[in-house]
Amino acid sequence: MSKEYWFARRFPVGDPRNAFAPVHWKGFAVAGIFVAALVIGAIAFSWMAASGYLMQGAVVFITAAAVGGGWFITVATAKGAPRV
């Protein structure tokens, strides 16, 4: 049984640029969802700041960024190619 990897390392193990990149359509979808979370948080922040609720807007954006980023990191780690 082969495992399906959504992300792979862009550089060899040991390189200081230790980064994952999507290599499957599901990986690209995960990255797109992360970007969408940031865009939605930015729109909510802009709208709330224009309405006079700057701090609440900042909290909404920070929450959206933290949830989206945490989810992205979790999925990339779980579905990424192992270190070999």
PDB file of N, CA and C in Angstrom:
ATOM      1  N   MET A   1       0.848  -1.182   0.000  1.00  0.00           N
ATOM      2  CA  MET A   1       0.000   0.000   0.000  1.00  0.00           C
ATOM      3  C   MET A   1       0.894   1.246   0.000  1.00  0.00           C
ATOM      4  N   SER A   2       0.751   2.084  -0.999  1.00  0.00           N
ATOM      5  CA  SER A   2       1.574   3.294  -1.072  1.00  0.00           C
ATOM      6  C   SER A   2       0.813   4.476  -0.476  1.00  0.00           C
ATOM      7  N   LYS A   3       1.569   5.328   0.137  1.00  0.00           N
ATOM      8  CA  LYS A   3       0.975   6.513   0.762  1.00  0.00           C
ATOM      9  C   LYS A   3       0.985   7.669  -0.230  1.00  0.00           C
ATOM     10  N   GLU A   4      -0.085   8.413  -0.254  1.00  0.00           N
ATOM     11  CA  GLU A   4      -0.204   9.565  -1.152  1.00  0.00           C
ATOM     12  C   GLU A   4       0.311  10.809  -0.426  1.00  0.00           C
ATOM     13  N   TYR A   5       1.321  11.458  -0.997  1.00  0.00           N
ATOM     14  CA  TYR A   5       1.890  12.661  -0.398  1.00  0.00           C
ATOM     15  C   TYR A   5       1.329  13.891  -1.086  1.00  0.00           C
ATOM     16  N   TRP A   6       0.919  14.855  -0.279  1.00  0.00           N
ATOM     17  CA  TRP A   6       0.386  16.108  -0.814  1.00  0.00           C
ATOM     18  C   TRP A   6       1.466  17.180  -0.872  1.00  0.00           C
ATOM     19  N   PHE A   7       2.501  17.035  -0.053  1.00  0.00           N
ATOM     20  CA  PHE A   7       3.583  18.011   0.036  1.00  0.00           C
ATOM     21  C   PHE A   7       4.918  17.279  -0.010  1.00  0.00           C
ATOM     22  N   ALA A   8       5.934  17.928  -0.564  1.00  0.00           N
ATOM     23  CA  ALA A   8       7.285  17.371  -0.600  1.00  0.00           C
ATOM     24  C   ALA A   8       8.282  18.484  -0.288  1.00  0.00           C
ATOM     25  N   ARG A   9       9.460  18.071   0.148  1.00  0.00           N
ATOM     26  CA  ARG A   9      10.502  19.045   0.464  1.00  0.00           C
ATOM     27  C   ARG A   9      11.046  19.651  -0.816  1.00  0.00           C
ATOM     28  N   ARG A  10      11.278  20.946  -0.782  1.00  0.00           N
ATOM     29  CA  ARG A  10      11.801  21.642  -1.950  1.00  0.00           C
ATOM     30  C   ARG A  10      13.313  21.556  -2.030  1.00  0.00           C
ATOM     31  N   PHE A  11      13.954  21.342  -0.899  1.00  0.00           N
ATOM     32  CA  PHE A  11      15.411  21.301  -0.831  1.00  0.00           C
ATOM     33  C   PHE A  11      15.830  20.042  -0.081  1.00  0.00           C
ATOM     34  N   PRO A  12      17.047  19.571  -0.256  1.00  0.00           N
ATOM     35  CA  PRO A  12      17.493  18.351   0.429  1.00  0.00           C
ATOM     36  C   PRO A  12      17.474  18.518   1.950  1.00  0.00           C
ATOM     37  N   VAL A  13      17.344  17.383   2.639  1.00  0.00           N
ATOM     38  CA  VAL A  13      17.378  17.397   4.103  1.00  0.00           C
ATOM     39  C   VAL A  13      18.735  17.939   4.536  1.00  0.00           C
ATOM     40  N   GLY A  14      18.724  18.817   5.517  1.00  0.00           N
ATOM     41  CA  GLY A  14      19.942  19.442   6.004  1.00  0.00           C
ATOM     42  C   GLY A  14      20.176  20.829   5.433  1.00  0.00           C
ATOM     43  N   ASP A  15      19.483  21.161   4.355  1.00  0.00           N
ATOM     44  CA  ASP A  15      19.595  22.500   3.783  1.00  0.00           C
ATOM     45  C   ASP A  15      18.888  23.481   4.709  1.00  0.00           C
ATOM     46  N   PRO A  16      19.452  24.662   4.929  1.00  0.00           N
ATOM     47  CA  PRO A  16      18.802  25.630   5.823  1.00  0.00           C
ATOM     48  C   PRO A  16      17.419  26.061   5.335  1.00  0.00           C
ATOM     49  N   ARG A  17      17.176  25.945   4.044  1.00  0.00           N
ATOM     50  CA  ARG A  17      15.869  26.306   3.503  1.00  0.00           C
ATOM     51  C   ARG A  17      14.953  25.090   3.581  1.00  0.00           C
ATOM     52  N   ASN A  18      14.509  24.751   4.762  1.00  0.00           N
ATOM     53  CA  ASN A  18      13.698  23.569   5.016  1.00  0.00           C
ATOM     54  C   ASN A  18      12.230  23.924   4.737  1.00  0.00           C
ATOM     55  N   ALA A  19      11.785  23.703   3.502  1.00  0.00           N
ATOM     56  CA  ALA A  19      10.442  24.124   3.113  1.00  0.00           C
ATOM     57  C   ALA A  19       9.707  22.998   2.407  1.00  0.00           C
ATOM     58  N   PHE A  20       8.388  22.963   2.606  1.00  0.00           N
ATOM     59  CA  PHE A  20       7.495  22.048   1.906  1.00  0.00           C
ATOM     60  C   PHE A  20       6.824  22.802   0.771  1.00  0.00           C
ATOM     61  N   ALA A  21       6.489  22.091  -0.283  1.00  0.00           N
ATOM     62  CA  ALA A  21       5.738  22.670  -1.393  1.00  0.00           C
ATOM     63  C   ALA A  21       4.657  21.676  -1.795  1.00  0.00           C
ATOM     64  N   PRO A  22       3.500  22.162  -2.207  1.00  0.00           N
ATOM     65  CA  PRO A  22       2.449  21.232  -2.640  1.00  0.00           C
ATOM     66  C   PRO A  22       2.848  20.544  -3.949  1.00  0.00           C
ATOM     67  N   VAL A  23       2.572  19.233  -4.021  1.00  0.00           N
ATOM     68  CA  VAL A  23       2.880  18.463  -5.226  1.00  0.00           C
ATOM     69  C   VAL A  23       1.669  17.694  -5.736  1.00  0.00           C
ATOM     70  N   HIS A  24       0.548  17.835  -5.064  1.00  0.00           N
ATOM     71  CA  HIS A  24      -0.683  17.141  -5.422  1.00  0.00           C
ATOM     72  C   HIS A  24      -1.803  18.180  -5.411  1.00  0.00           C
ATOM     73  N   TRP A  25      -2.861  17.919  -6.146  1.00  0.00           N
ATOM     74  CA  TRP A  25      -3.943  18.909  -6.192  1.00  0.00           C
ATOM     75  C   TRP A  25      -4.533  19.140  -4.810  1.00  0.00           C
ATOM     76  N   LYS A  26      -4.521  18.136  -3.955  1.00  0.00           N
ATOM     77  CA  LYS A  26      -5.049  18.312  -2.596  1.00  0.00           C
ATOM     78  C   LYS A  26      -4.148  19.248  -1.785  1.00  0.00           C
ATOM     79  N   GLY A  27      -2.854  19.203  -2.034  1.00  0.00           N
ATOM     80  CA  GLY A  27      -1.930  20.130  -1.383  1.00  0.00           C
ATOM     81  C   GLY A  27      -2.166  21.558  -1.836  1.00  0.00           C
ATOM     82  N   PHE A  28      -2.410  21.727  -3.144  1.00  0.00           N
ATOM     83  CA  PHE A  28      -2.719  23.062  -3.649  1.00  0.00           C
ATOM     84  C   PHE A  28      -4.046  23.565  -3.071  1.00  0.00           C
ATOM     85  N   ALA A  29      -5.009  22.658  -2.870  1.00  0.00           N
ATOM     86  CA  ALA A  29      -6.284  23.047  -2.269  1.00  0.00           C
ATOM     87  C   ALA A  29      -6.086  23.502  -0.823  1.00  0.00           C
ATOM     88  N   VAL A  30      -5.234  22.806  -0.088  1.00  0.00           N
ATOM     89  CA  VAL A  30      -4.931  23.196   1.296  1.00  0.00           C
ATOM     90  C   VAL A  30      -4.301  24.589   1.320  1.00  0.00           C
ATOM     91  N   ALA A  31      -3.360  24.839   0.415  1.00  0.00           N
ATOM     92  CA  ALA A  31      -2.732  26.155   0.339  1.00  0.00           C
ATOM     93  C   ALA A  31      -3.752  27.224  -0.039  1.00  0.00           C
ATOM     94  N   GLY A  32      -4.661  26.897  -0.948  1.00  0.00           N
ATOM     95  CA  GLY A  32      -5.709  27.845  -1.339  1.00  0.00           C
ATOM     96  C   GLY A  32      -6.652  28.168  -0.196  1.00  0.00           C
ATOM     97  N   ILE A  33      -6.984  27.167   0.608  1.00  0.00           N
ATOM     98  CA  ILE A  33      -7.852  27.400   1.769  1.00  0.00           C
ATOM     99  C   ILE A  33      -7.155  28.301   2.780  1.00  0.00           C
ATOM    100  N   PHE A  34      -5.849  28.115   2.961  1.00  0.00           N
ATOM    101  CA  PHE A  34      -5.093  28.985   3.854  1.00  0.00           C
ATOM    102  C   PHE A  34      -5.125  30.430   3.360  1.00  0.00           C
ATOM    103  N   VAL A  35      -4.891  30.621   2.081  1.00  0.00           N
ATOM    104  CA  VAL A  35      -4.940  31.972   1.504  1.00  0.00           C
ATOM    105  C   VAL A  35      -6.336  32.561   1.645  1.00  0.00           C
ATOM    106  N   ALA A  36      -7.374  31.748   1.423  1.00  0.00           N
ATOM    107  CA  ALA A  36      -8.755  32.225   1.571  1.00  0.00           C
ATOM    108  C   ALA A  36      -9.034  32.661   3.008  1.00  0.00           C
ATOM    109  N   ALA A  37      -8.517  31.925   3.988  1.00  0.00           N
ATOM    110  CA  ALA A  37      -8.703  32.311   5.388  1.00  0.00           C
ATOM    111  C   ALA A  37      -8.065  33.670   5.663  1.00  0.00           C
ATOM    112  N   LEU A  38      -6.883  33.904   5.094  1.00  0.00           N
ATOM    113  CA  LEU A  38      -6.229  35.201   5.277  1.00  0.00           C
ATOM    114  C   LEU A  38      -7.010  36.322   4.594  1.00  0.00           C
ATOM    115  N   VAL A  39      -7.523  36.056   3.403  1.00  0.00           N
ATOM    116  CA  VAL A  39      -8.293  37.076   2.677  1.00  0.00           C
ATOM    117  C   VAL A  39      -9.581  37.401   3.429  1.00  0.00           C
ATOM    118  N   ILE A  40     -10.276  36.372   3.913  1.00  0.00           N
ATOM    119  CA  ILE A  40     -11.517  36.605   4.668  1.00  0.00           C
ATOM    120  C   ILE A  40     -11.215  37.393   5.939  1.00  0.00           C
ATOM    121  N   GLY A  41     -10.123  37.042   6.633  1.00  0.00           N
ATOM    122  CA  GLY A  41      -9.732  37.791   7.827  1.00  0.00           C
ATOM    123  C   GLY A  41      -9.392  39.235   7.510  1.00  0.00           C
ATOM    124  N   ALA A  42      -8.721  39.470   6.374  1.00  0.00           N
ATOM    125  CA  ALA A  42      -8.371  40.839   5.978  1.00  0.00           C
ATOM    126  C   ALA A  42      -9.608  41.648   5.621  1.00  0.00           C
ATOM    127  N   ILE A  43     -10.556  41.022   4.934  1.00  0.00           N
ATOM    128  CA  ILE A  43     -11.803  41.725   4.587  1.00  0.00           C
ATOM    129  C   ILE A  43     -12.581  42.063   5.851  1.00  0.00           C
ATOM    130  N   ALA A  44     -12.664  41.101   6.772  1.00  0.00           N
ATOM    131  CA  ALA A  44     -13.368  41.362   8.033  1.00  0.00           C
ATOM    132  C   ALA A  44     -12.673  42.468   8.824  1.00  0.00           C
ATOM    133  N   PHE A  45     -11.342  42.435   8.843  1.00  0.00           N
ATOM    134  CA  PHE A  45     -10.600  43.483   9.541  1.00  0.00           C
ATOM    135  C   PHE A  45     -10.874  44.849   8.920  1.00  0.00           C
ATOM    136  N   SER A  46     -10.817  44.933   7.601  1.00  0.00           N
ATOM    137  CA  SER A  46     -11.054  46.211   6.918  1.00  0.00           C
ATOM    138  C   SER A  46     -12.451  46.742   7.203  1.00  0.00           C
ATOM    139  N   TRP A  47     -13.430  45.865   7.100  1.00  0.00           N
ATOM    140  CA  TRP A  47     -14.812  46.284   7.326  1.00  0.00           C
ATOM    141  C   TRP A  47     -15.031  46.726   8.767  1.00  0.00           C
ATOM    142  N   MET A  48     -14.503  45.954   9.721  1.00  0.00           N
ATOM    143  CA  MET A  48     -14.693  46.312  11.132  1.00  0.00           C
ATOM    144  C   MET A  48     -13.910  47.575  11.490  1.00  0.00           C
ATOM    145  N   ALA A  49     -12.713  47.752  10.921  1.00  0.00           N
ATOM    146  CA  ALA A  49     -11.936  48.954  11.205  1.00  0.00           C
ATOM    147  C   ALA A  49     -12.640  50.185  10.645  1.00  0.00           C
ATOM    148  N   ALA A  50     -13.236  50.066   9.464  1.00  0.00           N
ATOM    149  CA  ALA A  50     -13.965  51.190   8.877  1.00  0.00           C
ATOM    150  C   ALA A  50     -15.222  51.516   9.678  1.00  0.00           C
ATOM    151  N   SER A  51     -15.750  50.522  10.393  1.00  0.00           N
ATOM    152  CA  SER A  51     -16.946  50.728  11.215  1.00  0.00           C
ATOM    153  C   SER A  51     -16.605  51.217  12.614  1.00  0.00           C
ATOM    154  N   GLY A  52     -15.320  51.384  12.912  1.00  0.00           N
ATOM    155  CA  GLY A  52     -14.918  51.900  14.212  1.00  0.00           C
ATOM    156  C   GLY A  52     -14.558  50.822  15.217  1.00  0.00           C
ATOM    157  N   TYR A  53     -14.431  49.592  14.783  1.00  0.00           N
ATOM    158  CA  TYR A  53     -14.102  48.479  15.679  1.00  0.00           C
ATOM    159  C   TYR A  53     -12.725  47.913  15.311  1.00  0.00           C
ATOM    160  N   LEU A  54     -11.708  48.760  15.430  1.00  0.00           N
ATOM    161  CA  LEU A  54     -10.366  48.389  15.005  1.00  0.00           C
ATOM    162  C   LEU A  54      -9.823  47.196  15.789  1.00  0.00           C
ATOM    163  N   MET A  55      -9.922  47.208  17.095  1.00  0.00           N
ATOM    164  CA  MET A  55      -9.365  46.123  17.909  1.00  0.00           C
ATOM    165  C   MET A  55     -10.095  44.808  17.664  1.00  0.00           C
ATOM    166  N   GLN A  56     -11.423  44.850  17.553  1.00  0.00           N
ATOM    167  CA  GLN A  56     -12.179  43.628  17.281  1.00  0.00           C
ATOM    168  C   GLN A  56     -11.811  43.069  15.902  1.00  0.00           C
ATOM    169  N   GLY A  57     -11.604  43.957  14.940  1.00  0.00           N
ATOM    170  CA  GLY A  57     -11.171  43.531  13.612  1.00  0.00           C
ATOM    171  C   GLY A  57      -9.806  42.884  13.647  1.00  0.00           C
ATOM    172  N   ALA A  58      -8.904  43.449  14.438  1.00  0.00           N
ATOM    173  CA  ALA A  58      -7.571  42.861  14.575  1.00  0.00           C
ATOM    174  C   ALA A  58      -7.647  41.472  15.199  1.00  0.00           C
ATOM    175  N   VAL A  59      -8.520  41.329  16.193  1.00  0.00           N
ATOM    176  CA  VAL A  59      -8.693  40.020  16.829  1.00  0.00           C
ATOM    177  C   VAL A  59      -9.245  39.003  15.827  1.00  0.00           C
ATOM    178  N   VAL A  60     -10.194  39.421  15.003  1.00  0.00           N
ATOM    179  CA  VAL A  60     -10.759  38.519  13.992  1.00  0.00           C
ATOM    180  C   VAL A  60      -9.665  38.102  13.001  1.00  0.00           C
ATOM    181  N   PHE A  61      -8.862  39.060  12.536  1.00  0.00           N
ATOM    182  CA  PHE A  61      -7.803  38.724  11.586  1.00  0.00           C
ATOM    183  C   PHE A  61      -6.766  37.808  12.216  1.00  0.00           C
ATOM    184  N   ILE A  62      -6.339  38.108  13.423  1.00  0.00           N
ATOM    185  CA  ILE A  62      -5.342  37.275  14.098  1.00  0.00           C
ATOM    186  C   ILE A  62      -5.874  35.863  14.307  1.00  0.00           C
ATOM    187  N   THR A  63      -7.147  35.754  14.672  1.00  0.00           N
ATOM    188  CA  THR A  63      -7.754  34.435  14.852  1.00  0.00           C
ATOM    189  C   THR A  63      -7.808  33.667  13.535  1.00  0.00           C
ATOM    190  N   ALA A  64      -8.241  34.334  12.465  1.00  0.00           N
ATOM    191  CA  ALA A  64      -8.300  33.671  11.156  1.00  0.00           C
ATOM    192  C   ALA A  64      -6.908  33.236  10.708  1.00  0.00           C
ATOM    193  N   ALA A  65      -5.904  34.075  10.918  1.00  0.00           N
ATOM    194  CA  ALA A  65      -4.539  33.730  10.525  1.00  0.00           C
ATOM    195  C   ALA A  65      -3.998  32.572  11.360  1.00  0.00           C
ATOM    196  N   ALA A  66      -4.263  32.574  12.653  1.00  0.00           N
ATOM    197  CA  ALA A  66      -3.767  31.507  13.524  1.00  0.00           C
ATOM    198  C   ALA A  66      -4.443  30.171  13.212  1.00  0.00           C
ATOM    199  N   VAL A  67      -5.748  30.194  13.022  1.00  0.00           N
ATOM    200  CA  VAL A  67      -6.466  28.953  12.710  1.00  0.00           C
ATOM    201  C   VAL A  67      -6.045  28.426  11.335  1.00  0.00           C
ATOM    202  N   GLY A  68      -6.011  29.302  10.338  1.00  0.00           N
ATOM    203  CA  GLY A  68      -5.602  28.882   8.997  1.00  0.00           C
ATOM    204  C   GLY A  68      -4.170  28.388   8.959  1.00  0.00           C
ATOM    205  N   GLY A  69      -3.272  29.106   9.613  1.00  0.00           N
ATOM    206  CA  GLY A  69      -1.867  28.708   9.638  1.00  0.00           C
ATOM    207  C   GLY A  69      -1.642  27.409  10.392  1.00  0.00           C
ATOM    208  N   GLY A  70      -2.307  27.271  11.527  1.00  0.00           N
ATOM    209  CA  GLY A  70      -2.190  26.036  12.303  1.00  0.00           C
ATOM    210  C   GLY A  70      -2.713  24.834  11.540  1.00  0.00           C
ATOM    211  N   TRP A  71      -3.833  25.029  10.855  1.00  0.00           N
ATOM    212  CA  TRP A  71      -4.404  23.944  10.054  1.00  0.00           C
ATOM    213  C   TRP A  71      -3.474  23.586   8.896  1.00  0.00           C
ATOM    214  N   PHE A  72      -2.934  24.595   8.239  1.00  0.00           N
ATOM    215  CA  PHE A  72      -2.018  24.363   7.123  1.00  0.00           C
ATOM    216  C   PHE A  72      -0.785  23.582   7.579  1.00  0.00           C
ATOM    217  N   ILE A  73      -0.180  23.996   8.676  1.00  0.00           N
ATOM    218  CA  ILE A  73       1.015  23.328   9.188  1.00  0.00           C
ATOM    219  C   ILE A  73       0.700  21.892   9.595  1.00  0.00           C
ATOM    220  N   THR A  74      -0.451  21.685  10.231  1.00  0.00           N
ATOM    221  CA  THR A  74      -0.846  20.342  10.650  1.00  0.00           C
ATOM    222  C   THR A  74      -1.028  19.419   9.458  1.00  0.00           C
ATOM    223  N   VAL A  75      -1.741  19.874   8.445  1.00  0.00           N
ATOM    224  CA  VAL A  75      -1.986  19.039   7.261  1.00  0.00           C
ATOM    225  C   VAL A  75      -0.695  18.810   6.489  1.00  0.00           C
ATOM    226  N   ALA A  76       0.125  19.841   6.325  1.00  0.00           N
ATOM    227  CA  ALA A  76       1.380  19.690   5.587  1.00  0.00           C
ATOM    228  C   ALA A  76       2.310  18.702   6.285  1.00  0.00           C
ATOM    229  N   THR A  77       2.339  18.724   7.596  1.00  0.00           N
ATOM    230  CA  THR A  77       3.169  17.784   8.333  1.00  0.00           C
ATOM    231  C   THR A  77       2.622  16.358   8.227  1.00  0.00           C
ATOM    232  N   ALA A  78       1.301  16.224   8.314  1.00  0.00           N
ATOM    233  CA  ALA A  78       0.694  14.887   8.264  1.00  0.00           C
ATOM    234  C   ALA A  78       0.750  14.280   6.858  1.00  0.00           C
ATOM    235  N   LYS A  79       0.609  15.073   5.829  1.00  0.00           N
ATOM    236  CA  LYS A  79       0.541  14.567   4.465  1.00  0.00           C
ATOM    237  C   LYS A  79       1.810  14.829   3.673  1.00  0.00           C
ATOM    238  N   GLY A  80       2.870  15.242   4.342  1.00  0.00           N
ATOM    239  CA  GLY A  80       4.126  15.526   3.662  1.00  0.00           C
ATOM    240  C   GLY A  80       5.019  14.309   3.565  1.00  0.00           C
ATOM    241  N   ALA A  81       5.914  14.327   2.614  1.00  0.00           N
ATOM    242  CA  ALA A  81       6.874  13.250   2.453  1.00  0.00           C
ATOM    243  C   ALA A  81       7.801  13.217   3.674  1.00  0.00           C
ATOM    244  N   PRO A  82       8.185  12.042   4.128  1.00  0.00           N
ATOM    245  CA  PRO A  82       9.035  11.945   5.319  1.00  0.00           C
ATOM    246  C   PRO A  82      10.468  12.369   5.033  1.00  0.00           C
ATOM    247  N   ARG A  83      11.191  12.668   6.096  1.00  0.00           N
ATOM    248  CA  ARG A  83      12.616  12.994   5.979  1.00  0.00           C
ATOM    249  C   ARG A  83      13.365  11.696   5.753  1.00  0.00           C
ATOM    250  N   VAL A  84      14.140  11.665   4.707  1.00  0.00           N
ATOM    251  CA  VAL A  84      14.951  10.458   4.439  1.00  0.00           C
ATOM    252  C   VAL A  84      16.372  10.834   4.144  1.00  0.00           C
TER     253      VAL A  84
END
